[in-house]
Amino acid sequence: VMAWAVAAAGIWAVTGEMQVRFRRPLLVGESVTLR
């Protein structure tokens, strides 16, 4: 979702560094929205 946000801004790039924070579990079958 971040890569496509960059592409939508007209820029083609690769991930150089990424930091993720997991806040709660996601169960199989639970739909999510990505932003």
All heavy atoms as atom14 arrays in JSON, in Angstrom:
{
  "sequence": "VMAWAVAAAGIWAVTGEMQVRFRRPLLVGESVTLR",
  "atom14_mask": [
    [1, 1, 1, 1, 1, 1, 1, 0, 0, 0, 0, 0, 0, 0],
    [1, 1, 1, 1, 1, 1, 1, 1, 0, 0, 0, 0, 0, 0],
    [1, 1, 1, 1, 1, 0, 0, 0, 0, 0, 0, 0, 0, 0],
    [1, 1, 1, 1, 1, 1, 1, 1, 1, 1, 1, 1, 1, 1],
    [1, 1, 1, 1, 1, 0, 0, 0, 0, 0, 0, 0, 0, 0],
    [1, 1, 1, 1, 1, 1, 1, 0, 0, 0, 0, 0, 0, 0],
    [1, 1, 1, 1, 1, 0, 0, 0, 0, 0, 0, 0, 0, 0],
    [1, 1, 1, 1, 1, 0, 0, 0, 0, 0, 0, 0, 0, 0],
    [1, 1, 1, 1, 1, 0, 0, 0, 0, 0, 0, 0, 0, 0],
    [1, 1, 1, 1, 0, 0, 0, 0, 0, 0, 0, 0, 0, 0],
    [1, 1, 1, 1, 1, 1, 1, 1, 0, 0, 0, 0, 0, 0],
    [1, 1, 1, 1, 1, 1, 1, 1, 1, 1, 1, 1, 1, 1],
    [1, 1, 1, 1, 1, 0, 0, 0, 0, 0, 0, 0, 0, 0],
    [1, 1, 1, 1, 1, 1, 1, 0, 0, 0, 0, 0, 0, 0],
    [1, 1, 1, 1, 1, 1, 1, 0, 0, 0, 0, 0, 0, 0],
    [1, 1, 1, 1, 0, 0, 0, 0, 0, 0, 0, 0, 0, 0],
    [1, 1, 1, 1, 1, 1, 1, 1, 1, 0, 0, 0, 0, 0],
    [1, 1, 1, 1, 1, 1, 1, 1, 0, 0, 0, 0, 0, 0],
    [1, 1, 1, 1, 1, 1, 1, 1, 1, 0, 0, 0, 0, 0],
    [1, 1, 1, 1, 1, 1, 1, 0, 0, 0, 0, 0, 0, 0],
    [1, 1, 1, 1, 1, 1, 1, 1, 1, 1, 1, 0, 0, 0],
    [1, 1, 1, 1, 1, 1, 1, 1, 1, 1, 1, 0, 0, 0],
    [1, 1, 1, 1, 1, 1, 1, 1, 1, 1, 1, 0, 0, 0],
    [1, 1, 1, 1, 1, 1, 1, 1, 1, 1, 1, 0, 0, 0],
    [1, 1, 1, 1, 1, 1, 1, 0, 0, 0, 0, 0, 0, 0],
    [1, 1, 1, 1, 1, 1, 1, 1, 0, 0, 0, 0, 0, 0],
    [1, 1, 1, 1, 1, 1, 1, 1, 0, 0, 0, 0, 0, 0],
    [1, 1, 1, 1, 1, 1, 1, 0, 0, 0, 0, 0, 0, 0],
    [1, 1, 1, 1, 0, 0, 0, 0, 0, 0, 0, 0, 0, 0],
    [1, 1, 1, 1, 1, 1, 1, 1, 1, 0, 0, 0, 0, 0],
    [1, 1, 1, 1, 1, 1, 0, 0, 0, 0, 0, 0, 0, 0],
    [1, 1, 1, 1, 1, 1, 1, 0, 0, 0, 0, 0, 0, 0],
    [1, 1, 1, 1, 1, 1, 1, 0, 0, 0, 0, 0, 0, 0],
    [1, 1, 1, 1, 1, 1, 1, 1, 0, 0, 0, 0, 0, 0],
    [1, 1, 1, 1, 1, 1, 1, 1, 1, 1, 1, 0, 0, 0]
  ],
  "atom14_positions": [
    [[0.83, -1.2, 0.0], [0.0, 0.0, 0.0], [0.87, 1.26, 0.0], [0.53, 2.25, -0.65], [-1.04, -0.01, 1.15], [-0.43, 0.29, 2.51], [-2.18, 0.95, 0.85], [0.0, 0.0, 0.0], [0.0, 0.0, 0.0], [0.0, 0.0, 0.0], [0.0, 0.0, 0.0], [0.0, 0.0, 0.0], [0.0, 0.0, 0.0], [0.0, 0.0, 0.0]],
    [[1.99, 1.23, 0.68], [2.88, 2.39, 0.66], [3.55, 2.54, -0.71], [3.67, 3.65, -1.22], [3.91, 2.29, 1.77], [3.32, 2.47, 3.16], [4.56, 2.53, 4.48], [5.2, 0.85, 4.46], [0.0, 0.0, 0.0], [0.0, 0.0, 0.0], [0.0, 0.0, 0.0], [0.0, 0.0, 0.0], [0.0, 0.0, 0.0], [0.0, 0.0, 0.0]],
    [[3.98, 1.43, -1.31], [4.6, 1.49, -2.63], [3.64, 2.04, -3.67], [4.02, 2.85, -4.53], [5.1, 0.1, -3.04], [0.0, 0.0, 0.0], [0.0, 0.0, 0.0], [0.0, 0.0, 0.0], [0.0, 0.0, 0.0], [0.0, 0.0, 0.0], [0.0, 0.0, 0.0], [0.0, 0.0, 0.0], [0.0, 0.0, 0.0], [0.0, 0.0, 0.0]],
    [[2.37, 1.64, -3.61], [1.4, 2.15, -4.57], [1.03, 3.6, -4.28], [0.68, 4.35, -5.2], [0.18, 1.24, -4.65], [0.49, 0.06, -5.5], [0.77, -1.21, -5.09], [0.64, 0.05, -6.93], [1.06, -2.01, -6.17], [0.99, -1.27, -7.31], [0.5, 1.01, -7.91], [1.21, -1.63, -8.63], [0.72, 0.65, -9.24], [1.07, -0.66, -9.57]],
    [[1.13, 4.04, -3.02], [0.94, 5.47, -2.72], [2.05, 6.28, -3.38], [1.81, 7.34, -3.95], [0.92, 5.7, -1.21], [0.0, 0.0, 0.0], [0.0, 0.0, 0.0], [0.0, 0.0, 0.0], [0.0, 0.0, 0.0], [0.0, 0.0, 0.0], [0.0, 0.0, 0.0], [0.0, 0.0, 0.0], [0.0, 0.0, 0.0], [0.0, 0.0, 0.0]],
    [[3.27, 5.76, -3.32], [4.41, 6.43, -3.96], [4.18, 6.45, -5.48], [4.37, 7.49, -6.14], [5.74, 5.73, -3.58], [6.9, 6.27, -4.4], [6.01, 5.9, -2.08], [0.0, 0.0, 0.0], [0.0, 0.0, 0.0], [0.0, 0.0, 0.0], [0.0, 0.0, 0.0], [0.0, 0.0, 0.0], [0.0, 0.0, 0.0], [0.0, 0.0, 0.0]],
    [[3.76, 5.33, -6.06], [3.51, 5.27, -7.5], [2.38, 6.22, -7.9], [2.44, 6.87, -8.95], [3.19, 3.84, -7.92], [0.0, 0.0, 0.0], [0.0, 0.0, 0.0], [0.0, 0.0, 0.0], [0.0, 0.0, 0.0], [0.0, 0.0, 0.0], [0.0, 0.0, 0.0], [0.0, 0.0, 0.0], [0.0, 0.0, 0.0], [0.0, 0.0, 0.0]],
    [[1.35, 6.33, -7.06], [0.23, 7.23, -7.35], [0.69, 8.69, -7.35], [0.08, 9.54, -8.0], [-0.9, 7.03, -6.34], [0.0, 0.0, 0.0], [0.0, 0.0, 0.0], [0.0, 0.0, 0.0], [0.0, 0.0, 0.0], [0.0, 0.0, 0.0], [0.0, 0.0, 0.0], [0.0, 0.0, 0.0], [0.0, 0.0, 0.0], [0.0, 0.0, 0.0]],
    [[1.78, 8.96, -6.63], [2.36, 10.31, -6.62], [3.25, 10.53, -7.84], [3.89, 11.58, -7.97], [3.14, 10.53, -5.33], [0.0, 0.0, 0.0], [0.0, 0.0, 0.0], [0.0, 0.0, 0.0], [0.0, 0.0, 0.0], [0.0, 0.0, 0.0], [0.0, 0.0, 0.0], [0.0, 0.0, 0.0], [0.0, 0.0, 0.0], [0.0, 0.0, 0.0]],
    [[3.3, 9.53, -8.74], [4.09, 9.66, -9.96], [5.55, 9.3, -9.81], [6.36, 9.63, -10.66], [0.0, 0.0, 0.0], [0.0, 0.0, 0.0], [0.0, 0.0, 0.0], [0.0, 0.0, 0.0], [0.0, 0.0, 0.0], [0.0, 0.0, 0.0], [0.0, 0.0, 0.0], [0.0, 0.0, 0.0], [0.0, 0.0, 0.0], [0.0, 0.0, 0.0]],
    [[5.87, 8.57, -8.75], [7.25, 8.21, -8.46], [7.35, 6.68, -8.4], [6.55, 6.04, -7.72], [7.71, 8.8, -7.11], [7.56, 10.32, -7.12], [9.14, 8.39, -6.78], [7.63, 10.96, -5.76], [0.0, 0.0, 0.0], [0.0, 0.0, 0.0], [0.0, 0.0, 0.0], [0.0, 0.0, 0.0], [0.0, 0.0, 0.0], [0.0, 0.0, 0.0]],
    [[8.33, 6.12, -9.08], [8.57, 4.68, -9.03], [9.82, 4.46, -8.19], [10.88, 5.02, -8.46], [8.7, 4.11, -10.43], [7.35, 4.1, -11.07], [6.72, 5.15, -11.68], [6.43, 3.02, -11.09], [5.47, 4.77, -12.1], [5.26, 3.46, -11.75], [6.47, 1.7, -10.63], [4.16, 2.65, -11.96], [5.37, 0.89, -10.84], [4.22, 1.37, -11.5]],
    [[9.66, 3.66, -7.14], [10.73, 3.52, -6.16], [10.65, 2.14, -5.51], [9.64, 1.44, -5.63], [10.59, 4.6, -5.08], [0.0, 0.0, 0.0], [0.0, 0.0, 0.0], [0.0, 0.0, 0.0], [0.0, 0.0, 0.0], [0.0, 0.0, 0.0], [0.0, 0.0, 0.0], [0.0, 0.0, 0.0], [0.0, 0.0, 0.0], [0.0, 0.0, 0.0]],
    [[11.72, 1.77, -4.84], [11.77, 0.52, -4.09], [11.92, 0.83, -2.62], [12.41, 1.89, -2.23], [12.93, -0.4, -4.57], [12.69, -0.88, -5.98], [14.26, 0.32, -4.45], [0.0, 0.0, 0.0], [0.0, 0.0, 0.0], [0.0, 0.0, 0.0], [0.0, 0.0, 0.0], [0.0, 0.0, 0.0], [0.0, 0.0, 0.0], [0.0, 0.0, 0.0]],
    [[11.51, -0.11, -1.78], [11.6, 0.07, -0.34], [13.05, 0.0, 0.1], [13.75, -0.97, -0.18], [10.8, -1.04, 0.38], [9.5, -1.13, -0.2], [10.7, -0.76, 1.87], [0.0, 0.0, 0.0], [0.0, 0.0, 0.0], [0.0, 0.0, 0.0], [0.0, 0.0, 0.0], [0.0, 0.0, 0.0], [0.0, 0.0, 0.0], [0.0, 0.0, 0.0]],
    [[13.48, 1.05, 0.79], [14.84, 1.08, 1.33], [14.86, 0.69, 2.8], [15.8, 0.05, 3.27], [0.0, 0.0, 0.0], [0.0, 0.0, 0.0], [0.0, 0.0, 0.0], [0.0, 0.0, 0.0], [0.0, 0.0, 0.0], [0.0, 0.0, 0.0], [0.0, 0.0, 0.0], [0.0, 0.0, 0.0], [0.0, 0.0, 0.0], [0.0, 0.0, 0.0]],
    [[13.81, 1.05, 3.49], [13.71, 0.77, 4.93], [12.25, 0.82, 5.32], [11.49, 1.66, 4.82], [14.5, 1.84, 5.69], [14.51, 1.68, 7.17], [15.38, 2.77, 7.82], [16.61, 2.63, 7.79], [14.79, 3.76, 8.31], [0.0, 0.0, 0.0], [0.0, 0.0, 0.0], [0.0, 0.0, 0.0], [0.0, 0.0, 0.0], [0.0, 0.0, 0.0]],
    [[11.84, -0.07, 6.23], [10.45, -0.09, 6.67], [10.39, -0.48, 8.13], [11.09, -1.39, 8.56], [9.64, -1.09, 5.83], [8.16, -1.11, 6.17], [7.17, -2.07, 4.98], [7.28, -3.69, 5.7], [0.0, 0.0, 0.0], [0.0, 0.0, 0.0], [0.0, 0.0, 0.0], [0.0, 0.0, 0.0], [0.0, 0.0, 0.0], [0.0, 0.0, 0.0]],
    [[9.54, 0.22, 8.87], [9.32, -0.11, 10.28], [7.84, -0.39, 10.47], [7.0, 0.42, 10.07], [9.76, 1.04, 11.18], [9.6, 0.72, 12.65], [10.14, 1.82, 13.53], [10.49, 2.9, 13.08], [10.2, 1.55, 14.82], [0.0, 0.0, 0.0], [0.0, 0.0, 0.0], [0.0, 0.0, 0.0], [0.0, 0.0, 0.0], [0.0, 0.0, 0.0]],
    [[7.52, -1.54, 11.08], [6.14, -1.96, 11.28], [5.84, -2.04, 12.77], [6.66, -2.53, 13.55], [5.87, -3.34, 10.63], [4.44, -3.8, 10.88], [6.17, -3.29, 9.14], [0.0, 0.0, 0.0], [0.0, 0.0, 0.0], [0.0, 0.0, 0.0], [0.0, 0.0, 0.0], [0.0, 0.0, 0.0], [0.0, 0.0, 0.0], [0.0, 0.0, 0.0]],
    [[4.66, -1.58, 13.13], [4.18, -1.74, 14.5], [2.89, -2.55, 14.46], [1.89, -2.13, 13.86], [3.91, -0.38, 15.15], [3.4, -0.56, 16.56], [3.4, 0.71, 17.35], [2.93, 0.41, 18.69], [2.13, 1.18, 19.39], [1.76, 2.34, 18.9], [1.74, 0.82, 20.58], [0.0, 0.0, 0.0], [0.0, 0.0, 0.0], [0.0, 0.0, 0.0]],
    [[2.93, -3.71, 15.09], [1.76, -4.58, 15.16], [0.99, -4.21, 16.43], [1.52, -4.27, 17.53], [2.17, -6.06, 15.21], [2.94, -6.48, 13.99], [4.32, -6.53, 14.01], [2.28, -6.82, 12.83], [5.04, -6.9, 12.88], [2.98, -7.19, 11.69], [4.37, -7.23, 11.73], [0.0, 0.0, 0.0], [0.0, 0.0, 0.0], [0.0, 0.0, 0.0]],
    [[-0.28, -3.85, 16.27], [-1.08, -3.38, 17.4], [-2.02, -4.44, 17.96], [-2.25, -4.5, 19.15], [-1.87, -2.14, 16.99], [-0.96, -0.98, 16.63], [-1.76, 0.18, 16.07], [-0.92, 1.31, 15.82], [-0.88, 2.39, 16.58], [-1.62, 2.47, 17.65], [-0.08, 3.39, 16.26], [0.0, 0.0, 0.0], [0.0, 0.0, 0.0], [0.0, 0.0, 0.0]],
    [[-2.58, -5.25, 17.08], [-3.47, -6.33, 17.52], [-3.49, -7.4, 16.43], [-3.15, -7.13, 15.29], [-4.88, -5.85, 17.84], [-5.47, -4.82, 16.96], [-6.79, -4.23, 17.47], [-6.78, -3.53, 18.73], [-6.36, -2.27, 18.93], [-5.89, -1.57, 17.93], [-6.45, -1.7, 20.09], [0.0, 0.0, 0.0], [0.0, 0.0, 0.0], [0.0, 0.0, 0.0]],
    [[-3.87, -8.61, 16.8], [-3.88, -9.69, 15.81], [-4.99, -9.51, 14.77], [-6.02, -8.9, 15.04], [-4.13, -10.96, 16.63], [-4.58, -10.51, 17.96], [-4.23, -9.07, 18.14], [0.0, 0.0, 0.0], [0.0, 0.0, 0.0], [0.0, 0.0, 0.0], [0.0, 0.0, 0.0], [0.0, 0.0, 0.0], [0.0, 0.0, 0.0], [0.0, 0.0, 0.0]],
    [[-4.71, -10.06, 13.59], [-5.7, -10.13, 12.52], [-6.01, -11.6, 12.32], [-5.1, -12.41, 12.16], [-5.14, -9.52, 11.23], [-6.04, -9.62, 9.99], [-7.36, -8.89, 10.21], [-5.31, -9.08, 8.77], [0.0, 0.0, 0.0], [0.0, 0.0, 0.0], [0.0, 0.0, 0.0], [0.0, 0.0, 0.0], [0.0, 0.0, 0.0], [0.0, 0.0, 0.0]],
    [[-7.3, -11.93, 12.34], [-7.7, -13.32, 12.19], [-8.05, -13.62, 10.73], [-8.46, -12.73, 9.97], [-8.9, -13.63, 13.08], [-8.69, -13.38, 14.58], [-9.96, -13.72, 15.35], [-7.5, -14.15, 15.11], [0.0, 0.0, 0.0], [0.0, 0.0, 0.0], [0.0, 0.0, 0.0], [0.0, 0.0, 0.0], [0.0, 0.0, 0.0], [0.0, 0.0, 0.0]],
    [[-7.86, -14.86, 10.35], [-8.24, -15.32, 9.02], [-9.72, -14.99, 8.82], [-10.55, -15.21, 9.71], [-7.98, -16.83, 8.88], [-8.61, -17.38, 7.6], [-6.49, -17.11, 8.93], [0.0, 0.0, 0.0], [0.0, 0.0, 0.0], [0.0, 0.0, 0.0], [0.0, 0.0, 0.0], [0.0, 0.0, 0.0], [0.0, 0.0, 0.0], [0.0, 0.0, 0.0]],
    [[-10.06, -14.44, 7.66], [-11.44, -14.12, 7.33], [-11.89, -12.72, 7.71], [-12.98, -12.3, 7.32], [0.0, 0.0, 0.0], [0.0, 0.0, 0.0], [0.0, 0.0, 0.0], [0.0, 0.0, 0.0], [0.0, 0.0, 0.0], [0.0, 0.0, 0.0], [0.0, 0.0, 0.0], [0.0, 0.0, 0.0], [0.0, 0.0, 0.0], [0.0, 0.0, 0.0]],
    [[-11.07, -11.98, 8.48], [-11.44, -10.61, 8.86], [-10.99, -9.63, 7.77], [-9.79, -9.51, 7.5], [-10.77, -10.21, 10.18], [-11.32, -10.93, 11.39], [-10.71, -10.41, 12.68], [-9.48, -10.16, 12.74], [-11.48, -10.26, 13.64], [0.0, 0.0, 0.0], [0.0, 0.0, 0.0], [0.0, 0.0, 0.0], [0.0, 0.0, 0.0], [0.0, 0.0, 0.0]],
    [[-11.93, -8.95, 7.17], [-11.59, -7.99, 6.12], [-10.95, -6.75, 6.71], [-11.33, -6.29, 7.79], [-12.85, -7.58, 5.34], [-13.37, -8.7, 4.66], [0.0, 0.0, 0.0], [0.0, 0.0, 0.0], [0.0, 0.0, 0.0], [0.0, 0.0, 0.0], [0.0, 0.0, 0.0], [0.0, 0.0, 0.0], [0.0, 0.0, 0.0], [0.0, 0.0, 0.0]],
    [[-9.96, -6.24, 5.96], [-9.27, -5.03, 6.39], [-9.23, -4.01, 5.25], [-9.3, -4.37, 4.07], [-7.83, -5.31, 6.88], [-7.85, -6.08, 8.19], [-7.01, -6.04, 5.82], [0.0, 0.0, 0.0], [0.0, 0.0, 0.0], [0.0, 0.0, 0.0], [0.0, 0.0, 0.0], [0.0, 0.0, 0.0], [0.0, 0.0, 0.0], [0.0, 0.0, 0.0]],
    [[-9.1, -2.75, 5.64], [-8.84, -1.67, 4.7], [-7.37, -1.31, 4.85], [-6.86, -1.18, 5.97], [-9.72, -0.44, 5.01], [-11.09, -0.8, 4.84], [-9.38, 0.72, 4.1], [0.0, 0.0, 0.0], [0.0, 0.0, 0.0], [0.0, 0.0, 0.0], [0.0, 0.0, 0.0], [0.0, 0.0, 0.0], [0.0, 0.0, 0.0], [0.0, 0.0, 0.0]],
    [[-6.7, -1.15, 3.73], [-5.31, -0.73, 3.7], [-5.28, 0.72, 3.25], [-5.97, 1.08, 2.29], [-4.51, -1.58, 2.72], [-4.73, -3.09, 2.8], [-4.01, -3.77, 1.66], [-4.27, -3.61, 4.14], [0.0, 0.0, 0.0], [0.0, 0.0, 0.0], [0.0, 0.0, 0.0], [0.0, 0.0, 0.0], [0.0, 0.0, 0.0], [0.0, 0.0, 0.0]],
    [[-4.48, 1.53, 3.92], [-4.34, 2.93, 3.52], [-2.86, 3.27, 3.46], [-2.1, 2.9, 4.36], [-5.02, 3.87, 4.51], [-6.51, 3.75, 4.52], [-7.15, 4.82, 5.37], [-8.57, 4.57, 5.46], [-9.29, 4.73, 6.55], [-8.73, 5.17, 7.66], [-10.58, 4.48, 6.54], [0.0, 0.0, 0.0], [0.0, 0.0, 0.0], [0.0, 0.0, 0.0]]
  ]
}
